[in-house]
C-alpha atoms as a PDB file:
ATOM      1  CA  MET A   1      -0.043  -0.033  -0.034  1.00  0.00           C
ATOM      2  CA  ASN A   2       1.305   3.520  -0.825  1.00  0.00           C
ATOM      3  CA  PRO A   3       1.196   6.393   1.617  1.00  0.00           C
ATOM      4  CA  THR A   4      -2.042   7.915   0.099  1.00  0.00           C
ATOM      5  CA  GLY A   5      -3.942   4.683   0.861  1.00  0.00           C
ATOM      6  CA  GLY A   6      -3.939   3.120  -2.642  1.00  0.00           C
ATOM      7  CA  HIS A   7      -1.870   0.164  -3.797  1.00  0.00           C
ATOM      8  CA  GLU A   8       1.152   0.716  -6.101  1.00  0.00           C
ATOM      9  CA  LEU A   9      -0.217  -0.557  -9.290  1.00  0.00           C
ATOM     10  CA  ASP A  10      -3.624   1.087  -9.010  1.00  0.00           C
ATOM     11  CA  GLY A  11      -3.095   4.405 -10.764  1.00  0.00           C
ATOM     12  CA  ILE A  12      -4.582   7.393  -9.244  1.00  0.00           C
ATOM     13  CA  PRO A  13      -5.392   6.767  -5.499  1.00  0.00           C
ATOM     14  CA  PRO A  14      -9.142   6.986  -4.897  1.00  0.00           C
ATOM     15  CA  THR A  15      -8.773   9.779  -2.557  1.00  0.00           C
ATOM     16  CA  ALA A  16      -7.371  11.991  -5.274  1.00  0.00           C
ATOM     17  CA  LEU A  17     -10.146  11.316  -7.709  1.00  0.00           C
ATOM     18  CA  ALA A  18     -12.949  13.960  -8.246  1.00  0.00           C
ATOM     19  CA  ASP A  19     -16.426  12.678  -7.618  1.00  0.00           C
ATOM     20  CA  ASP A  20     -17.252  12.186 -11.184  1.00  0.00           C
ATOM     21  CA  ASP A  21     -13.897  10.431 -11.889  1.00  0.00           C
ATOM     22  CA  LEU A  22     -14.505   8.073  -8.977  1.00  0.00           C
ATOM     23  CA  GLU A  23     -18.002   7.194 -10.171  1.00  0.00           C
ATOM     24  CA  ARG A  24     -16.726   6.567 -13.689  1.00  0.00           C
ATOM     25  CA  GLU A  25     -13.922   4.299 -12.344  1.00  0.00           C
ATOM     26  CA  LEU A  26     -16.472   2.369 -10.269  1.00  0.00           C
ATOM     27  CA  ALA A  27     -18.881   1.988 -13.136  1.00  0.00           C
ATOM     28  CA  HIS A  28     -16.061   0.637 -15.344  1.00  0.00           C
ATOM     29  CA  LEU A  29     -14.854  -1.838 -12.784  1.00  0.00           C
ATOM     30  CA  HIS A  30     -18.352  -3.061 -12.198  1.00  0.00           C
ATOM     31  CA  GLU A  31     -18.868  -3.441 -16.043  1.00  0.00           C
ATOM     32  CA  THR A  32     -15.677  -5.554 -16.393  1.00  0.00           C
ATOM     33  CA  ARG A  33     -15.904  -7.535 -13.171  1.00  0.00           C
ATOM     34  CA  HIS A  34     -17.589 -10.602 -14.730  1.00  0.00           C
ATOM     35  CA  GLU A  35     -15.166 -10.828 -17.587  1.00  0.00           C
ATOM     36  CA  VAL A  36     -12.113 -10.518 -15.217  1.00  0.00           C
ATOM     37  CA  PHE A  37     -13.652 -13.177 -12.941  1.00  0.00           C
ATOM     38  CA  LEU A  38     -14.249 -15.628 -15.661  1.00  0.00           C
ATOM     39  CA  HIS A  39     -11.236 -15.084 -17.814  1.00  0.00           C
ATOM     40  CA  GLY A  40      -8.591 -13.125 -15.959  1.00  0.00           C
ATOM     41  CA  SER A  41      -5.367 -14.422 -14.248  1.00  0.00           C
ATOM     42  CA  ALA A  42      -5.262 -14.853 -10.516  1.00  0.00           C
ATOM     43  CA  GLN A  43      -3.091 -11.772 -10.502  1.00  0.00           C
ATOM     44  CA  ALA A  44      -5.603  -9.726 -12.530  1.00  0.00           C
ATOM     45  CA  LEU A  45      -8.558 -10.837 -10.517  1.00  0.00           C
ATOM     46  CA  ASP A  46      -6.590  -9.899  -7.222  1.00  0.00           C
ATOM     47  CA  HIS A  47      -5.746  -6.577  -8.689  1.00  0.00           C
ATOM     48  CA  HIS A  48      -9.323  -5.952  -9.927  1.00  0.00           C
ATOM     49  CA  THR A  49     -10.776  -7.024  -6.559  1.00  0.00           C
ATOM     50  CA  GLN A  50      -8.481  -4.584  -4.560  1.00  0.00           C
ATOM     51  CA  ARG A  51      -9.113  -1.729  -6.768  1.00  0.00           C
ATOM     52  CA  MET A  52     -12.770  -2.213  -6.611  1.00  0.00           C
ATOM     53  CA  ILE A  53     -12.613  -2.534  -2.813  1.00  0.00           C
ATOM     54  CA  ASP A  54     -10.467   0.776  -2.627  1.00  0.00           C
ATOM     55  CA  LEU A  55     -12.764   2.656  -4.898  1.00  0.00           C
ATOM     56  CA  GLU A  56     -15.994   1.422  -3.165  1.00  0.00           C
ATOM     57  CA  GLN A  57     -14.609   2.231   0.313  1.00  0.00           C
ATOM     58  CA  GLU A  58     -13.751   5.753  -0.859  1.00  0.00           C
ATOM     59  CA  TRP A  59     -17.241   6.256  -2.393  1.00  0.00           C
ATOM     60  CA  LEU A  60     -18.914   5.092   0.816  1.00  0.00           C
ATOM     61  CA  ARG A  61     -16.687   7.442   2.891  1.00  0.00           C
ATOM     62  CA  ARG A  62     -17.883  10.292   0.669  1.00  0.00           C
ATOM     63  CA  HIS A  63     -21.537   9.151   0.844  1.00  0.00           C
ATOM     64  CA  PRO A  64     -22.197   7.763   4.248  1.00  0.00           C
ATOM     65  CA  GLU A  65     -25.947   8.850   3.985  1.00  0.00           C
ATOM     66  CA  ARG A  66     -26.595   6.999   0.661  1.00  0.00           C
ATOM     67  CA  GLN A  67     -30.076   5.839   0.029  1.00  0.00           C
ATOM     68  CA  VAL A  68     -30.641   2.229   0.851  1.00  0.00           C
ATOM     69  CA  ASP A  69     -33.429   0.322  -0.799  1.00  0.00           C
ATOM     70  CA  PRO A  70     -35.535  -1.227   1.900  1.00  0.00           C
ATOM     71  CA  GLN A  71     -36.004  -4.259  -0.224  1.00  0.00           C
ATOM     72  CA  ARG A  72     -32.232  -4.867   0.045  1.00  0.00           C
ATOM     73  CA  LEU A  73     -32.419  -5.334   3.789  1.00  0.00           C
ATOM     74  CA  ARG A  74     -33.140  -8.522   5.541  1.00  0.00           C
ATOM     75  CA  ALA A  75     -36.609  -7.238   6.674  1.00  0.00           C
ATOM     76  CA  GLY A  76     -37.404  -6.397   3.006  1.00  0.00           C
ATOM     77  CA  ALA A  77     -36.393  -9.804   1.966  1.00  0.00           C
ATOM     78  CA  ARG A  78     -38.592 -11.410   4.520  1.00  0.00           C
ATOM     79  CA  THR A  79     -41.499  -9.293   3.168  1.00  0.00           C
ATOM     80  CA  ARG A  80     -40.925 -10.498  -0.373  1.00  0.00           C
ATOM     81  CA  ASP A  81     -40.819 -14.221   0.892  1.00  0.00           C
ATOM     82  CA  THR A  82     -44.049 -13.815   2.682  1.00  0.00           C
ATOM     83  CA  ALA A  83     -45.880 -12.142  -0.332  1.00  0.00           C
ATOM     84  CA  ARG A  84     -44.785 -15.277  -2.546  1.00  0.00           C
ATOM     85  CA  HIS A  85     -46.388 -17.746  -0.298  1.00  0.00           C
END
């Protein structure tokens, strides 16, 4: 890990990215995740995973009050399960 909190091969540290750049980087990583998971080398997958974690943690740090969909919570899942039966 380098002094700014990122890893050496990650490019620009997440803390140094503007909000728009951070969101664009996250979107790109999420778009490419499946392909890297299926076909990337172990090293590529590890690098991708670490970069995704670093960027997601930075986004969450900046947006601690993000909207959470009630259906994505355990209680919401129980409501869906009850409605199906």
